[in-house]
Amino acid sequence: MTSIKFLLLGFDALDHELWHHYGHKHLDPDLIGSLSPTAVKITPEIYETGPSWTSIMTGQKSSSHGMRDGWGRSVTQAGKPSRSFTHIPGPYLWERLNQAGLRCGVVNVPVTWPPKPIDGFMVSGFPCPLRNITYPKTLEAVLGPEYIPDIAMWKNNLWDHNVIGSWRDSVKAIGLQNILEVVEQVDGSKIELLDKLIADSAPIEALVCQFAFVDRIGHVFGMNNEEASVVYPYVAGLINRLLKKFAPAKWCVVSDHGMKGTEIPNKKSNHTYNALFMTNAEVTLREGANFDILPTILELLHIPADARIDGQSLIIHA
């Protein structure tokens, strides 16, 4: 068992309401401790993946970091300039952890390609190519030839989100009841991979890892009671496995937006503003925005914030 100081798990589209109804009760009390983790609703400014994750990881509003397009493309579908990982100054959470003396691993956070040098390691998140996605570059060999950064790339070699689409047909063809087999293949295997990456880059004291399958399943099958009753217990089980594997002193779970109901074609109508933040720290939290996550994490880790952060900590002091 590897023991780290801090673990941040991101789940794309994990809905606060559905989590409490279908997921929370499946957390292992032996792993989460005697106190139930504190969970609150988070409201993103923009409930699109790229802008919201960027706000989470920088503590900045979209007006500050500049990313408005859902996937950080250099030009949006409307023809207006956007911003990508290359151009956003940050600093990001992992850069702040580095500055505080913590070596950090970052895996599959959206819109982090091409990977940037950090004290630790980085594996880019979607949208990205299948290869040339690691820092240091030597970690490419650790990923292995079968590694897929995102379920949206399953049975696809495409990574341009303007044209990607056939992954939905691939997922839909196997059916909801079998989808978790694919999730285990694509996302569940990350646990073993994380162990290898950490061993290769030791010592790693903080780990940031994102999983996209809740969103991908919701876009294909919808996210109603039937789907949530299948997906959310799996999410809880995945959290249990990661807590057991890495035994973090402090850990948090966050989502970029929620997802509920059936998607209307060509519209992200089943995205919701009902995102989630959860931590094992013994604190009282208020509801807040996605750009409030980073200052909250910094306070939990006793790292000072600064004027480059727009958000305010969610921790309520008596």
Protein backbone atom coordinates (compact mmCIF):
# COMPACT_ATOMS: atom_id res chain seq x y z
CA MET A 1 0.00 0.00 0.00
CA THR A 2 1.26 3.47 -0.95
CA SER A 3 0.56 6.27 1.51
CA ILE A 4 0.26 9.83 0.19
CA LYS A 5 -0.57 13.15 1.83
CA PHE A 6 -3.36 14.29 -0.48
CA LEU A 7 -5.66 12.74 -3.09
CA LEU A 8 -8.05 14.69 -5.32
CA LEU A 9 -10.47 12.62 -7.39
CA GLY A 10 -12.44 14.29 -10.15
CA PHE A 11 -15.55 12.72 -11.66
CA ASP A 12 -16.96 14.41 -14.73
CA ALA A 13 -20.74 14.99 -14.32
CA LEU A 14 -21.11 13.52 -10.83
CA ASP A 15 -24.39 15.02 -9.66
CA HIS A 16 -24.73 16.09 -6.02
CA GLU A 17 -28.36 14.96 -5.73
CA LEU A 18 -27.81 11.59 -7.42
CA TRP A 19 -24.67 10.95 -5.39
CA HIS A 20 -26.56 11.29 -2.12
CA HIS A 21 -29.34 9.04 -3.35
CA TYR A 22 -27.34 6.31 -5.10
CA GLY A 23 -23.65 6.59 -4.26
CA HIS A 24 -22.85 7.85 -0.78
CA LYS A 25 -24.12 4.79 1.10
CA HIS A 26 -21.70 2.55 -0.79
CA LEU A 27 -18.58 4.18 0.66
CA ASP A 28 -16.70 1.77 2.93
CA PRO A 29 -16.87 3.05 6.56
CA ASP A 30 -13.59 1.28 7.33
CA LEU A 31 -11.89 3.46 4.72
CA ILE A 32 -13.62 6.79 5.23
CA GLY A 33 -13.36 6.74 9.03
CA SER A 34 -15.90 7.20 11.78
CA LEU A 35 -17.06 10.56 10.45
CA SER A 36 -19.09 10.68 7.26
CA PRO A 37 -17.37 12.82 4.60
CA THR A 38 -18.68 16.34 4.26
CA ALA A 39 -20.35 16.90 0.86
CA VAL A 40 -21.85 20.10 -0.53
CA LYS A 41 -23.38 21.31 -3.76
CA ILE A 42 -21.11 23.27 -6.08
CA THR A 43 -22.43 25.52 -8.84
CA PRO A 44 -20.19 25.98 -11.90
CA GLU A 45 -20.25 29.27 -13.80
CA ILE A 46 -20.26 27.35 -17.08
CA TYR A 47 -21.38 23.73 -16.95
CA GLU A 48 -19.02 22.67 -19.72
CA THR A 49 -16.05 20.41 -19.10
CA GLY A 50 -13.12 22.59 -20.18
CA PRO A 51 -14.06 25.88 -18.49
CA SER A 52 -15.29 24.22 -15.30
CA TRP A 53 -12.25 21.99 -14.73
CA THR A 54 -10.01 24.96 -15.44
CA SER A 55 -11.86 27.01 -12.81
CA ILE A 56 -11.60 24.13 -10.33
CA MET A 57 -7.86 23.71 -10.86
CA THR A 58 -6.96 27.43 -10.92
CA GLY A 59 -9.48 28.98 -8.53
CA GLN A 60 -10.23 31.52 -11.23
CA LYS A 61 -13.46 32.61 -12.89
CA SER A 62 -13.71 32.03 -16.63
CA SER A 63 -13.30 35.76 -17.15
CA SER A 64 -9.85 35.46 -15.54
CA HIS A 65 -8.50 32.25 -17.05
CA GLY A 66 -10.15 32.91 -20.42
CA MET A 67 -11.34 29.41 -21.35
CA ARG A 68 -14.92 29.51 -22.57
CA ASP A 69 -15.07 26.70 -25.11
CA GLY A 70 -16.14 23.30 -23.77
CA TRP A 71 -12.92 21.61 -24.80
CA GLY A 72 -10.47 24.50 -24.89
CA ARG A 73 -10.16 24.50 -28.65
CA SER A 74 -8.13 27.27 -30.23
CA VAL A 75 -11.22 28.29 -32.19
CA THR A 76 -14.76 27.52 -31.09
CA GLN A 77 -17.46 26.17 -33.36
CA ALA A 78 -18.91 29.69 -33.45
CA GLY A 79 -15.61 30.93 -34.84
CA LYS A 80 -14.65 32.93 -31.75
CA PRO A 81 -11.18 32.50 -30.22
CA SER A 82 -10.94 30.40 -27.08
CA ARG A 83 -7.96 29.40 -24.97
CA SER A 84 -6.20 26.10 -24.42
CA PHE A 85 -3.92 24.63 -21.75
CA THR A 86 -0.90 26.03 -23.55
CA HIS A 87 -2.03 29.63 -23.08
CA ILE A 88 -3.60 29.67 -19.61
CA PRO A 89 -1.11 31.12 -17.12
CA GLY A 90 -2.58 29.47 -14.01
CA PRO A 91 -1.06 28.68 -11.64
CA TYR A 92 -2.85 25.34 -11.44
CA LEU A 93 -3.38 23.33 -8.27
CA TRP A 94 -0.41 21.05 -8.92
CA GLU A 95 1.89 24.04 -9.46
CA ARG A 96 0.82 25.40 -6.09
CA LEU A 97 1.40 21.99 -4.50
CA ASN A 98 4.87 21.96 -6.05
CA GLN A 99 5.57 25.43 -4.66
CA ALA A 100 4.58 24.13 -1.22
CA GLY A 101 7.12 21.31 -1.54
CA LEU A 102 4.76 18.49 -2.56
CA ARG A 103 5.71 16.33 -5.54
CA CYS A 104 2.55 15.73 -7.51
CA GLY A 105 1.07 13.29 -10.01
CA VAL A 106 -1.63 14.55 -12.40
CA VAL A 107 -3.63 12.08 -14.48
CA ASN A 108 -6.24 12.83 -17.17
CA VAL A 109 -7.44 16.22 -15.98
CA PRO A 110 -9.32 17.59 -19.03
CA VAL A 111 -7.64 20.12 -21.29
CA THR A 112 -4.07 19.45 -20.10
CA TRP A 113 -2.44 18.67 -23.44
CA PRO A 114 0.35 19.06 -24.28
CA PRO A 115 1.66 18.12 -20.81
CA LYS A 116 3.72 20.72 -18.98
CA PRO A 117 6.79 20.08 -16.82
CA ILE A 118 5.99 19.69 -13.13
CA ASP A 119 7.78 18.34 -10.07
CA GLY A 120 6.32 14.86 -10.39
CA PHE A 121 4.48 13.57 -13.44
CA MET A 122 1.57 14.45 -15.72
CA VAL A 123 -0.59 12.36 -18.05
CA SER A 124 -2.74 14.61 -20.23
CA GLY A 125 -6.53 14.46 -20.30
CA PHE A 126 -8.99 14.55 -23.19
CA PRO A 127 -8.90 16.09 -25.72
CA CYS A 128 -5.48 14.67 -26.48
CA PRO A 129 -3.85 12.18 -28.83
CA LEU A 130 -3.33 8.59 -27.74
CA ARG A 131 0.41 9.06 -27.31
CA ASN A 132 2.90 11.83 -26.48
CA ILE A 133 0.78 12.69 -23.45
CA THR A 134 3.23 12.32 -20.54
CA TYR A 135 5.73 14.38 -18.61
CA PRO A 136 8.40 13.22 -18.32
CA LYS A 137 8.29 11.68 -21.78
CA THR A 138 9.86 8.44 -20.49
CA LEU A 139 6.59 7.62 -18.70
CA GLU A 140 5.05 6.91 -22.09
CA ALA A 141 6.47 3.40 -21.81
CA VAL A 142 4.73 2.91 -18.45
CA LEU A 143 1.33 3.61 -20.01
CA GLY A 144 1.71 0.71 -22.41
CA PRO A 145 0.22 0.32 -25.90
CA GLU A 146 -3.33 -0.36 -24.69
CA TYR A 147 -3.75 2.76 -22.58
CA ILE A 148 -6.77 4.95 -23.44
CA PRO A 149 -7.03 8.39 -21.78
CA ASP A 150 -10.84 8.55 -22.00
CA ILE A 151 -13.76 6.26 -22.76
CA ALA A 152 -14.68 8.68 -25.56
CA MET A 153 -11.55 7.39 -27.31
CA TRP A 154 -12.55 3.72 -26.99
CA LYS A 155 -12.39 2.13 -30.44
CA ASN A 156 -11.41 5.53 -31.86
CA ASN A 157 -8.15 7.14 -32.87
CA LEU A 158 -9.77 10.58 -32.98
CA TRP A 159 -9.10 13.28 -30.45
CA ASP A 160 -10.49 16.36 -32.14
CA HIS A 161 -13.78 16.97 -30.32
CA ASN A 162 -15.15 18.77 -33.36
CA VAL A 163 -15.36 15.50 -35.27
CA ILE A 164 -15.39 12.75 -32.64
CA GLY A 165 -18.71 10.93 -32.49
CA SER A 166 -18.52 7.24 -33.25
CA TRP A 167 -17.53 6.39 -29.67
CA ARG A 168 -21.18 6.84 -28.72
CA ASP A 169 -22.20 4.11 -31.14
CA SER A 170 -19.50 1.83 -29.72
CA VAL A 171 -20.70 2.39 -26.15
CA LYS A 172 -24.39 2.17 -26.99
CA ALA A 173 -23.94 -1.13 -28.83
CA ILE A 174 -22.88 -3.01 -25.70
CA GLY A 175 -25.81 -1.75 -23.60
CA LEU A 176 -26.11 -0.16 -20.18
CA GLN A 177 -25.81 -3.40 -18.21
CA ASN A 178 -22.46 -4.19 -19.82
CA ILE A 179 -21.05 -0.67 -19.89
CA LEU A 180 -19.15 -1.02 -16.64
CA GLU A 181 -17.03 -3.76 -18.20
CA VAL A 182 -15.79 -1.15 -20.67
CA VAL A 183 -15.41 1.40 -17.89
CA GLU A 184 -13.32 -1.08 -15.92
CA GLN A 185 -11.20 -1.70 -18.99
CA VAL A 186 -10.65 1.98 -19.77
CA ASP A 187 -10.92 3.76 -16.41
CA GLY A 188 -10.75 1.09 -13.72
CA SER A 189 -7.33 -0.03 -14.93
CA LYS A 190 -6.02 3.43 -14.01
CA ILE A 191 -5.62 2.24 -10.42
CA GLU A 192 -2.94 -0.24 -11.38
CA LEU A 193 -1.43 2.32 -13.74
CA LEU A 194 -1.34 4.96 -11.00
CA ASP A 195 0.64 2.55 -8.83
CA LYS A 196 3.20 2.11 -11.62
CA LEU A 197 3.43 5.82 -12.35
CA ILE A 198 3.95 6.63 -8.67
CA ALA A 199 6.56 3.90 -8.29
CA ASP A 200 8.42 5.20 -11.32
CA SER A 201 8.29 8.80 -10.07
CA ALA A 202 8.62 8.25 -6.31
CA PRO A 203 8.26 9.95 -3.99
CA ILE A 204 4.82 11.32 -4.91
CA GLU A 205 3.00 13.09 -2.08
CA ALA A 206 -0.13 14.38 -3.86
CA LEU A 207 -2.23 12.85 -6.62
CA VAL A 208 -4.87 14.47 -8.86
CA CYS A 209 -6.83 12.09 -11.06
CA GLN A 210 -9.97 12.58 -13.16
CA PHE A 211 -12.49 10.00 -14.41
CA ALA A 212 -14.87 10.84 -17.26
CA PHE A 213 -17.17 7.81 -17.51
CA VAL A 214 -20.18 9.25 -15.63
CA ASP A 215 -20.49 11.98 -18.23
CA ARG A 216 -19.89 9.64 -21.16
CA ILE A 217 -22.51 7.13 -20.00
CA GLY A 218 -24.97 9.95 -19.36
CA HIS A 219 -24.56 11.32 -22.87
CA VAL A 220 -25.22 7.90 -24.40
CA PHE A 221 -27.90 6.39 -22.14
CA GLY A 222 -29.12 9.38 -20.13
CA MET A 223 -28.73 9.65 -16.36
CA ASN A 224 -32.08 8.72 -14.84
CA ASN A 225 -32.79 6.39 -11.94
CA GLU A 226 -31.93 3.23 -13.89
CA GLU A 227 -28.57 4.54 -15.06
CA ALA A 228 -27.70 6.17 -11.73
CA SER A 229 -28.45 2.95 -9.82
CA VAL A 230 -25.79 1.23 -11.94
CA VAL A 231 -23.18 3.98 -12.23
CA TYR A 232 -23.10 5.60 -8.79
CA PRO A 233 -22.39 2.47 -6.72
CA TYR A 234 -19.51 1.82 -9.13
CA VAL A 235 -18.18 5.35 -8.48
CA ALA A 236 -18.31 4.70 -4.72
CA GLY A 237 -16.52 1.39 -5.22
CA LEU A 238 -13.83 3.12 -7.27
CA ILE A 239 -13.34 5.68 -4.50
CA ASN A 240 -13.07 2.84 -1.97
CA ARG A 241 -10.40 1.12 -4.08
CA LEU A 242 -8.35 4.30 -4.44
CA LEU A 243 -8.56 5.12 -0.72
CA LYS A 244 -7.43 1.61 0.13
CA LYS A 245 -4.61 1.72 -2.43
CA PHE A 246 -3.15 5.12 -1.50
CA ALA A 247 -4.33 5.72 2.10
CA PRO A 248 -4.31 9.52 1.76
CA ALA A 249 -4.18 11.61 4.92
CA LYS A 250 -6.60 14.05 3.28
CA TRP A 251 -8.79 13.47 0.25
CA CYS A 252 -11.41 15.29 -1.76
CA VAL A 253 -13.85 14.43 -4.54
CA VAL A 254 -15.08 17.05 -7.01
CA SER A 255 -17.15 17.24 -10.18
CA ASP A 256 -17.25 19.88 -12.90
CA HIS A 257 -21.03 19.79 -13.29
CA GLY A 258 -23.94 17.47 -12.62
CA MET A 259 -25.94 15.37 -15.05
CA LYS A 260 -29.50 14.19 -14.78
CA GLY A 261 -32.22 13.12 -17.17
CA THR A 262 -32.11 12.29 -20.87
CA GLU A 263 -30.06 14.25 -23.35
CA ILE A 264 -31.80 16.06 -26.17
CA PRO A 265 -29.80 15.59 -29.39
CA ASN A 266 -27.36 18.40 -30.17
CA LYS A 267 -27.93 20.00 -26.76
CA LYS A 268 -26.27 19.36 -23.41
CA SER A 269 -29.63 19.59 -21.75
CA ASN A 270 -28.90 16.91 -19.16
CA HIS A 271 -25.90 18.77 -17.76
CA THR A 272 -26.90 20.43 -14.49
CA TYR A 273 -25.41 23.08 -12.23
CA ASN A 274 -25.61 20.54 -9.39
CA ALA A 275 -21.90 19.66 -9.02
CA LEU A 276 -20.31 18.04 -5.94
CA PHE A 277 -17.45 18.69 -3.54
CA MET A 278 -16.66 16.21 -0.78
CA THR A 279 -13.82 15.87 1.71
CA ASN A 280 -12.83 13.68 4.64
CA ALA A 281 -11.57 16.69 6.59
CA GLU A 282 -13.42 17.51 9.80
CA VAL A 283 -14.77 20.85 8.60
CA THR A 284 -18.08 22.56 7.98
CA LEU A 285 -18.60 23.65 4.39
CA ARG A 286 -20.88 26.11 2.67
CA GLU A 287 -22.21 25.73 -0.85
CA GLY A 288 -20.23 27.65 -3.43
CA ALA A 289 -18.84 27.88 -6.95
CA ASN A 290 -16.33 25.78 -8.85
CA PHE A 291 -13.65 28.47 -8.49
CA ASP A 292 -14.00 28.12 -4.69
CA ILE A 293 -12.58 24.58 -4.77
CA LEU A 294 -8.89 25.46 -5.10
CA PRO A 295 -8.78 27.91 -2.17
CA THR A 296 -10.64 25.32 -0.08
CA ILE A 297 -8.03 22.67 -0.88
CA LEU A 298 -5.23 25.11 -0.14
CA GLU A 299 -6.75 25.85 3.29
CA LEU A 300 -7.13 22.14 4.00
CA LEU A 301 -3.43 21.70 3.23
CA HIS A 302 -2.36 24.90 5.07
CA ILE A 303 -1.07 26.50 1.86
CA PRO A 304 -1.59 30.28 1.55
CA ALA A 305 -3.76 31.70 -1.24
CA ASP A 306 -3.00 34.88 -3.18
CA ALA A 307 -4.57 37.56 -5.37
CA ARG A 308 -4.52 35.37 -8.49
CA ILE A 309 -7.38 33.34 -6.99
CA ASP A 310 -10.93 34.65 -7.52
CA GLY A 311 -12.63 32.14 -5.22
CA GLN A 312 -13.01 31.95 -1.46
CA SER A 313 -12.61 28.87 0.74
CA LEU A 314 -15.81 26.92 1.40
CA ILE A 315 -14.75 26.22 4.98
CA ILE A 316 -16.95 27.86 7.59
CA HIS A 317 -15.17 28.96 10.77
CA ALA A 318 -17.07 29.18 14.03
